[in-house]
Amino acid sequence: MSSHPIPAVGAVIVRDDHILLIKRGSAPSYGKWSVPGGQVELGETMEAALKREVLEETGIDIKVIRIAGVYDLIVRSDKSIDYHYVIIEFLAEALSDKIKAGSDALECRWVPLGEITKLDVTPTVMNCL
C-alpha cells in the first residue's frame, strides 16, 4: 500500500464499433474487464507508459491521440485505503488488430460497444465511453 495516490494510464482504443479490453490479471480489479494500462514508472512519461503497458498486455503498438479523461480509483477495505490510483485515460489508435494477452492480462479481445454491459467491467470503462 502506498501513502499517496499512484499515477496510472489507460488506453481507450476503438475500432469498427469495438473497444479493446483486457481481463485484469492482478489487483486491483483482478478478473474484471478494463482498458489496457497500468502504473507510470519513475522517469517515464505518460505516453511512454501507455505505449509500454498496451504492448505488454495486448502485443500491439499504438498511436496516442489525446487525453480522454482523468479518474480516481480508490479501493477501501474496513477503515483503510488499499489502493488510490489517479488514472489518465487516453484515446489511442491501434496500429494492428492482431492482439495477444500478455503479462498482467488474463485475456484480451475486441468487444462490440453494445456488449460492454454484459461484461464485468471496471468503473473506469463506463466512465470513458
N, C-alpha and C. Protein backbone atom coordinates (compact mmCIF):
# COMPACT_ATOMS: atom_id res chain seq x y z
N MET A 1 0.84 -1.18 0.00
CA MET A 1 0.00 0.00 0.00
C MET A 1 0.88 1.24 0.00
N SER A 2 0.53 2.19 -0.80
CA SER A 2 1.27 3.44 -0.90
C SER A 2 0.63 4.48 0.02
N SER A 3 1.43 5.44 0.44
CA SER A 3 0.90 6.51 1.29
C SER A 3 0.41 7.70 0.48
N HIS A 4 0.42 7.58 -0.83
CA HIS A 4 -0.04 8.65 -1.71
C HIS A 4 -0.64 8.05 -2.99
N PRO A 5 -1.43 8.81 -3.74
CA PRO A 5 -2.01 8.28 -4.98
C PRO A 5 -0.92 7.89 -5.98
N ILE A 6 -1.21 6.87 -6.77
CA ILE A 6 -0.28 6.34 -7.76
C ILE A 6 -0.76 6.75 -9.15
N PRO A 7 0.10 7.39 -9.96
CA PRO A 7 -0.32 7.75 -11.32
C PRO A 7 -0.37 6.51 -12.22
N ALA A 8 -1.43 6.44 -13.01
CA ALA A 8 -1.60 5.32 -13.93
C ALA A 8 -2.21 5.84 -15.23
N VAL A 9 -2.09 5.05 -16.28
CA VAL A 9 -2.62 5.41 -17.59
C VAL A 9 -3.48 4.28 -18.13
N GLY A 10 -4.41 4.63 -19.01
CA GLY A 10 -5.24 3.65 -19.68
C GLY A 10 -5.47 4.08 -21.11
N ALA A 11 -5.65 3.10 -22.00
CA ALA A 11 -5.83 3.38 -23.42
C ALA A 11 -7.24 3.00 -23.87
N VAL A 12 -7.97 4.00 -24.34
CA VAL A 12 -9.29 3.77 -24.94
C VAL A 12 -9.06 3.62 -26.43
N ILE A 13 -9.15 2.38 -26.90
CA ILE A 13 -8.86 2.06 -28.29
C ILE A 13 -10.12 1.49 -28.93
N VAL A 14 -10.71 2.25 -29.85
CA VAL A 14 -11.95 1.84 -30.51
C VAL A 14 -11.67 1.67 -31.99
N ARG A 15 -12.19 0.57 -32.55
CA ARG A 15 -12.04 0.29 -33.98
C ARG A 15 -13.29 -0.43 -34.46
N ASP A 16 -13.91 0.10 -35.51
CA ASP A 16 -15.09 -0.54 -36.12
C ASP A 16 -16.15 -0.90 -35.07
N ASP A 17 -16.52 0.05 -34.22
CA ASP A 17 -17.54 -0.15 -33.18
C ASP A 17 -17.18 -1.23 -32.16
N HIS A 18 -15.88 -1.49 -31.99
CA HIS A 18 -15.38 -2.41 -30.97
C HIS A 18 -14.35 -1.67 -30.12
N ILE A 19 -14.28 -2.02 -28.85
CA ILE A 19 -13.27 -1.45 -27.95
C ILE A 19 -12.34 -2.57 -27.51
N LEU A 20 -11.06 -2.26 -27.40
CA LEU A 20 -10.08 -3.23 -26.95
C LEU A 20 -10.09 -3.28 -25.43
N LEU A 21 -10.41 -4.45 -24.87
CA LEU A 21 -10.43 -4.64 -23.42
C LEU A 21 -9.53 -5.80 -23.04
N ILE A 22 -9.01 -5.71 -21.81
CA ILE A 22 -8.23 -6.80 -21.24
C ILE A 22 -8.91 -7.26 -19.97
N LYS A 23 -8.73 -8.54 -19.64
CA LYS A 23 -9.19 -9.06 -18.36
C LYS A 23 -7.99 -8.98 -17.42
N ARG A 24 -8.13 -8.18 -16.36
CA ARG A 24 -7.03 -7.89 -15.46
C ARG A 24 -6.53 -9.15 -14.75
N GLY A 25 -5.21 -9.29 -14.72
CA GLY A 25 -4.59 -10.44 -14.09
C GLY A 25 -3.95 -10.14 -12.75
N SER A 26 -4.16 -8.92 -12.25
CA SER A 26 -3.60 -8.55 -10.94
C SER A 26 -4.51 -7.54 -10.26
N ALA A 27 -4.30 -7.37 -8.97
CA ALA A 27 -5.07 -6.41 -8.18
C ALA A 27 -4.63 -5.00 -8.55
N PRO A 28 -5.46 -4.01 -8.40
CA PRO A 28 -6.88 -4.16 -8.06
C PRO A 28 -7.68 -4.59 -9.29
N SER A 29 -8.88 -4.99 -9.07
CA SER A 29 -9.81 -5.36 -10.15
C SER A 29 -9.44 -6.65 -10.86
N TYR A 30 -8.77 -7.57 -10.15
CA TYR A 30 -8.43 -8.87 -10.74
C TYR A 30 -9.68 -9.52 -11.34
N GLY A 31 -9.56 -10.00 -12.57
CA GLY A 31 -10.64 -10.71 -13.23
C GLY A 31 -11.68 -9.83 -13.89
N LYS A 32 -11.60 -8.53 -13.71
CA LYS A 32 -12.54 -7.61 -14.35
C LYS A 32 -11.98 -7.16 -15.71
N TRP A 33 -12.89 -6.79 -16.59
CA TRP A 33 -12.50 -6.27 -17.90
C TRP A 33 -12.21 -4.79 -17.77
N SER A 34 -11.14 -4.35 -18.43
CA SER A 34 -10.67 -2.97 -18.34
C SER A 34 -10.01 -2.58 -19.64
N VAL A 35 -9.82 -1.27 -19.82
CA VAL A 35 -8.97 -0.84 -20.92
C VAL A 35 -7.54 -1.18 -20.54
N PRO A 36 -6.66 -1.44 -21.52
CA PRO A 36 -5.27 -1.74 -21.19
C PRO A 36 -4.59 -0.53 -20.54
N GLY A 37 -3.69 -0.80 -19.63
CA GLY A 37 -2.95 0.28 -18.98
C GLY A 37 -2.35 -0.16 -17.67
N GLY A 38 -1.74 0.78 -16.98
CA GLY A 38 -1.10 0.45 -15.71
C GLY A 38 -0.34 1.64 -15.16
N GLN A 39 0.51 1.36 -14.19
CA GLN A 39 1.25 2.40 -13.48
C GLN A 39 2.31 3.06 -14.35
N VAL A 40 2.51 4.35 -14.08
CA VAL A 40 3.60 5.10 -14.70
C VAL A 40 4.84 4.87 -13.84
N GLU A 41 5.93 4.46 -14.46
CA GLU A 41 7.17 4.21 -13.71
C GLU A 41 7.95 5.51 -13.54
N LEU A 42 8.78 5.56 -12.52
CA LEU A 42 9.59 6.73 -12.23
C LEU A 42 10.44 7.10 -13.45
N GLY A 43 10.37 8.36 -13.89
CA GLY A 43 11.13 8.84 -15.02
C GLY A 43 10.50 8.58 -16.38
N GLU A 44 9.34 7.95 -16.39
CA GLU A 44 8.64 7.59 -17.62
C GLU A 44 7.55 8.62 -17.90
N THR A 45 7.43 9.05 -19.15
CA THR A 45 6.33 9.94 -19.49
C THR A 45 5.03 9.14 -19.53
N MET A 46 3.91 9.84 -19.46
CA MET A 46 2.62 9.15 -19.53
C MET A 46 2.46 8.44 -20.87
N GLU A 47 2.87 9.10 -21.96
CA GLU A 47 2.74 8.49 -23.28
C GLU A 47 3.61 7.23 -23.39
N ALA A 48 4.83 7.29 -22.89
CA ALA A 48 5.71 6.12 -22.92
C ALA A 48 5.13 4.99 -22.07
N ALA A 49 4.58 5.33 -20.91
CA ALA A 49 3.97 4.32 -20.04
C ALA A 49 2.78 3.66 -20.74
N LEU A 50 1.97 4.48 -21.40
CA LEU A 50 0.79 3.95 -22.09
C LEU A 50 1.20 2.98 -23.20
N LYS A 51 2.16 3.39 -24.01
CA LYS A 51 2.62 2.51 -25.10
C LYS A 51 3.21 1.21 -24.55
N ARG A 52 4.00 1.31 -23.48
CA ARG A 52 4.60 0.12 -22.86
C ARG A 52 3.53 -0.82 -22.32
N GLU A 53 2.58 -0.27 -21.57
CA GLU A 53 1.54 -1.10 -20.96
C GLU A 53 0.66 -1.79 -22.02
N VAL A 54 0.27 -1.06 -23.05
CA VAL A 54 -0.56 -1.65 -24.10
C VAL A 54 0.22 -2.76 -24.81
N LEU A 55 1.47 -2.53 -25.11
CA LEU A 55 2.29 -3.56 -25.76
C LEU A 55 2.43 -4.79 -24.86
N GLU A 56 2.70 -4.57 -23.57
CA GLU A 56 2.84 -5.70 -22.63
C GLU A 56 1.55 -6.50 -22.49
N GLU A 57 0.41 -5.83 -22.47
CA GLU A 57 -0.86 -6.51 -22.20
C GLU A 57 -1.58 -7.04 -23.43
N THR A 58 -1.31 -6.45 -24.61
CA THR A 58 -2.05 -6.86 -25.80
C THR A 58 -1.16 -7.24 -26.99
N GLY A 59 0.11 -6.90 -26.93
CA GLY A 59 1.02 -7.22 -28.02
C GLY A 59 0.97 -6.28 -29.20
N ILE A 60 0.28 -5.12 -29.06
CA ILE A 60 0.19 -4.20 -30.20
C ILE A 60 0.81 -2.84 -29.86
N ASP A 61 1.24 -2.16 -30.90
CA ASP A 61 1.70 -0.78 -30.79
C ASP A 61 0.51 0.13 -31.02
N ILE A 62 0.59 1.33 -30.43
CA ILE A 62 -0.49 2.30 -30.57
C ILE A 62 0.06 3.67 -30.93
N LYS A 63 -0.84 4.50 -31.43
CA LYS A 63 -0.58 5.92 -31.63
C LYS A 63 -1.47 6.65 -30.63
N VAL A 64 -0.87 7.46 -29.75
CA VAL A 64 -1.63 8.20 -28.76
C VAL A 64 -2.22 9.44 -29.41
N ILE A 65 -3.52 9.66 -29.21
CA ILE A 65 -4.22 10.78 -29.86
C ILE A 65 -4.40 11.95 -28.90
N ARG A 66 -5.09 11.72 -27.77
CA ARG A 66 -5.33 12.81 -26.82
C ARG A 66 -5.86 12.23 -25.51
N ILE A 67 -5.89 13.07 -24.48
CA ILE A 67 -6.45 12.67 -23.20
C ILE A 67 -7.96 12.52 -23.35
N ALA A 68 -8.50 11.42 -22.82
CA ALA A 68 -9.94 11.18 -22.88
C ALA A 68 -10.62 11.50 -21.55
N GLY A 69 -9.87 11.45 -20.45
CA GLY A 69 -10.45 11.73 -19.14
C GLY A 69 -9.48 11.38 -18.03
N VAL A 70 -9.78 11.86 -16.84
CA VAL A 70 -8.96 11.58 -15.66
C VAL A 70 -9.90 11.11 -14.56
N TYR A 71 -9.55 9.98 -13.92
CA TYR A 71 -10.42 9.37 -12.93
C TYR A 71 -9.62 8.91 -11.72
N ASP A 72 -10.30 8.84 -10.59
CA ASP A 72 -9.73 8.24 -9.39
C ASP A 72 -10.27 6.83 -9.24
N LEU A 73 -9.40 5.91 -8.88
CA LEU A 73 -9.81 4.57 -8.49
C LEU A 73 -9.34 4.40 -7.05
N ILE A 74 -10.29 4.45 -6.12
CA ILE A 74 -9.97 4.33 -4.70
C ILE A 74 -10.65 3.06 -4.19
N VAL A 75 -9.85 2.13 -3.69
CA VAL A 75 -10.36 0.86 -3.16
C VAL A 75 -10.15 0.87 -1.66
N ARG A 76 -11.26 0.77 -0.92
CA ARG A 76 -11.23 0.80 0.54
C ARG A 76 -11.61 -0.56 1.10
N SER A 77 -11.03 -0.89 2.24
CA SER A 77 -11.45 -2.07 2.99
C SER A 77 -11.42 -1.70 4.47
N ASP A 78 -12.47 -2.08 5.16
CA ASP A 78 -12.62 -1.72 6.58
C ASP A 78 -12.40 -0.21 6.75
N LYS A 79 -11.37 0.16 7.48
CA LYS A 79 -11.13 1.58 7.75
C LYS A 79 -9.87 2.10 7.05
N SER A 80 -9.38 1.36 6.06
CA SER A 80 -8.16 1.78 5.38
C SER A 80 -8.39 1.89 3.87
N ILE A 81 -7.43 2.51 3.21
CA ILE A 81 -7.44 2.60 1.75
C ILE A 81 -6.39 1.63 1.23
N ASP A 82 -6.83 0.67 0.43
CA ASP A 82 -5.91 -0.32 -0.14
C ASP A 82 -5.17 0.23 -1.35
N TYR A 83 -5.89 0.94 -2.20
CA TYR A 83 -5.31 1.50 -3.42
C TYR A 83 -5.92 2.85 -3.71
N HIS A 84 -5.12 3.75 -4.24
CA HIS A 84 -5.64 5.01 -4.79
C HIS A 84 -4.81 5.32 -6.03
N TYR A 85 -5.42 5.07 -7.18
CA TYR A 85 -4.80 5.38 -8.46
C TYR A 85 -5.45 6.62 -9.05
N VAL A 86 -4.66 7.49 -9.63
CA VAL A 86 -5.16 8.57 -10.46
C VAL A 86 -4.90 8.10 -11.89
N ILE A 87 -5.98 7.80 -12.61
CA ILE A 87 -5.86 7.19 -13.94
C ILE A 87 -6.13 8.24 -15.02
N ILE A 88 -5.15 8.42 -15.88
CA ILE A 88 -5.28 9.32 -17.02
C ILE A 88 -5.57 8.42 -18.23
N GLU A 89 -6.80 8.54 -18.75
CA GLU A 89 -7.21 7.73 -19.90
C GLU A 89 -6.92 8.51 -21.18
N PHE A 90 -6.34 7.82 -22.15
CA PHE A 90 -6.01 8.43 -23.44
C PHE A 90 -6.78 7.72 -24.55
N LEU A 91 -7.25 8.50 -25.50
CA LEU A 91 -7.77 7.94 -26.73
C LEU A 91 -6.55 7.56 -27.56
N ALA A 92 -6.56 6.35 -28.10
CA ALA A 92 -5.40 5.88 -28.87
C ALA A 92 -5.88 5.08 -30.08
N GLU A 93 -5.01 4.96 -31.05
CA GLU A 93 -5.30 4.20 -32.26
C GLU A 93 -4.42 2.97 -32.30
N ALA A 94 -5.02 1.82 -32.56
CA ALA A 94 -4.27 0.58 -32.68
C ALA A 94 -3.56 0.56 -34.02
N LEU A 95 -2.29 0.19 -34.01
CA LEU A 95 -1.54 0.10 -35.26
C LEU A 95 -1.58 -1.31 -35.83
N SER A 96 -2.32 -2.20 -35.15
CA SER A 96 -2.54 -3.57 -35.60
C SER A 96 -3.83 -4.06 -34.94
N ASP A 97 -4.46 -5.07 -35.52
CA ASP A 97 -5.64 -5.64 -34.86
C ASP A 97 -5.37 -7.05 -34.36
N LYS A 98 -4.15 -7.51 -34.51
CA LYS A 98 -3.77 -8.85 -34.06
C LYS A 98 -3.29 -8.77 -32.62
N ILE A 99 -4.16 -9.12 -31.68
CA ILE A 99 -3.87 -8.98 -30.26
C ILE A 99 -3.57 -10.33 -29.62
N LYS A 100 -2.78 -10.27 -28.55
CA LYS A 100 -2.47 -11.48 -27.78
C LYS A 100 -2.20 -11.06 -26.34
N ALA A 101 -2.94 -11.65 -25.41
CA ALA A 101 -2.78 -11.31 -24.00
C ALA A 101 -1.37 -11.65 -23.51
N GLY A 102 -0.84 -10.75 -22.69
CA GLY A 102 0.48 -10.98 -22.11
C GLY A 102 0.56 -10.38 -20.73
N SER A 103 1.63 -10.58 -20.05
CA SER A 103 1.97 -10.13 -18.70
C SER A 103 0.77 -10.04 -17.76
N ASP A 104 0.25 -8.86 -17.49
CA ASP A 104 -0.81 -8.68 -16.49
C ASP A 104 -2.22 -8.98 -17.00
N ALA A 105 -2.37 -9.38 -18.24
CA ALA A 105 -3.71 -9.64 -18.80
C ALA A 105 -3.98 -11.13 -18.86
N LEU A 106 -5.13 -11.54 -18.33
CA LEU A 106 -5.54 -12.94 -18.44
C LEU A 106 -6.07 -13.23 -19.84
N GLU A 107 -6.63 -12.19 -20.46
CA GLU A 107 -7.26 -12.32 -21.78
C GLU A 107 -7.37 -10.92 -22.37
N CYS A 108 -7.46 -10.81 -23.68
CA CYS A 108 -7.76 -9.54 -24.32
C CYS A 108 -8.62 -9.82 -25.54
N ARG A 109 -9.48 -8.86 -25.84
CA ARG A 109 -10.34 -9.03 -27.02
C ARG A 109 -10.96 -7.72 -27.45
N TRP A 110 -11.37 -7.70 -28.72
CA TRP A 110 -12.14 -6.58 -29.27
C TRP A 110 -13.60 -6.86 -28.93
N VAL A 111 -14.19 -6.00 -28.13
CA VAL A 111 -15.56 -6.18 -27.65
C VAL A 111 -16.48 -5.19 -28.37
N PRO A 112 -17.59 -5.68 -28.96
CA PRO A 112 -18.55 -4.76 -29.55
C PRO A 112 -19.04 -3.77 -28.49
N LEU A 113 -19.12 -2.49 -28.84
CA LEU A 113 -19.53 -1.46 -27.88
C LEU A 113 -20.87 -1.78 -27.25
N GLY A 114 -21.78 -2.38 -27.99
CA GLY A 114 -23.10 -2.72 -27.47
C GLY A 114 -23.10 -3.87 -26.47
N GLU A 115 -21.98 -4.58 -26.33
CA GLU A 115 -21.92 -5.73 -25.43
C GLU A 115 -21.13 -5.47 -24.15
N ILE A 116 -20.65 -4.25 -23.97
CA ILE A 116 -19.85 -3.94 -22.79
C ILE A 116 -20.61 -4.19 -21.50
N THR A 117 -21.89 -3.87 -21.48
CA THR A 117 -22.67 -4.02 -20.25
C THR A 117 -22.88 -5.49 -19.87
N LYS A 118 -22.58 -6.42 -20.76
CA LYS A 118 -22.70 -7.85 -20.46
C LYS A 118 -21.46 -8.38 -19.73
N LEU A 119 -20.40 -7.56 -19.67
CA LEU A 119 -19.15 -7.98 -19.04
C LEU A 119 -19.00 -7.37 -17.66
N ASP A 120 -18.20 -7.98 -16.84
CA ASP A 120 -17.86 -7.44 -15.52
C ASP A 120 -16.69 -6.48 -15.73
N VAL A 121 -17.02 -5.20 -15.93
CA VAL A 121 -16.00 -4.19 -16.27
C VAL A 121 -15.67 -3.32 -15.06
N THR A 122 -14.51 -2.70 -15.12
CA THR A 122 -14.12 -1.74 -14.08
C THR A 122 -14.95 -0.47 -14.26
N PRO A 123 -15.12 0.31 -13.20
CA PRO A 123 -15.91 1.55 -13.32
C PRO A 123 -15.33 2.52 -14.35
N THR A 124 -14.02 2.52 -14.54
CA THR A 124 -13.42 3.48 -15.47
C THR A 124 -13.80 3.16 -16.92
N VAL A 125 -14.12 1.91 -17.24
CA VAL A 125 -14.54 1.59 -18.61
C VAL A 125 -15.82 2.35 -18.94
N MET A 126 -16.77 2.33 -18.03
CA MET A 126 -18.04 3.01 -18.28
C MET A 126 -17.83 4.53 -18.27
N ASN A 127 -16.90 5.03 -17.46
CA ASN A 127 -16.63 6.48 -17.40
C ASN A 127 -16.06 7.00 -18.72
N CYS A 128 -15.28 6.19 -19.41
CA CYS A 128 -14.57 6.70 -20.58
C CYS A 128 -15.37 6.57 -21.87
N LEU A 129 -16.56 6.00 -21.80
CA LEU A 129 -17.35 5.85 -23.04
C LEU A 129 -18.31 6.97 -23.25
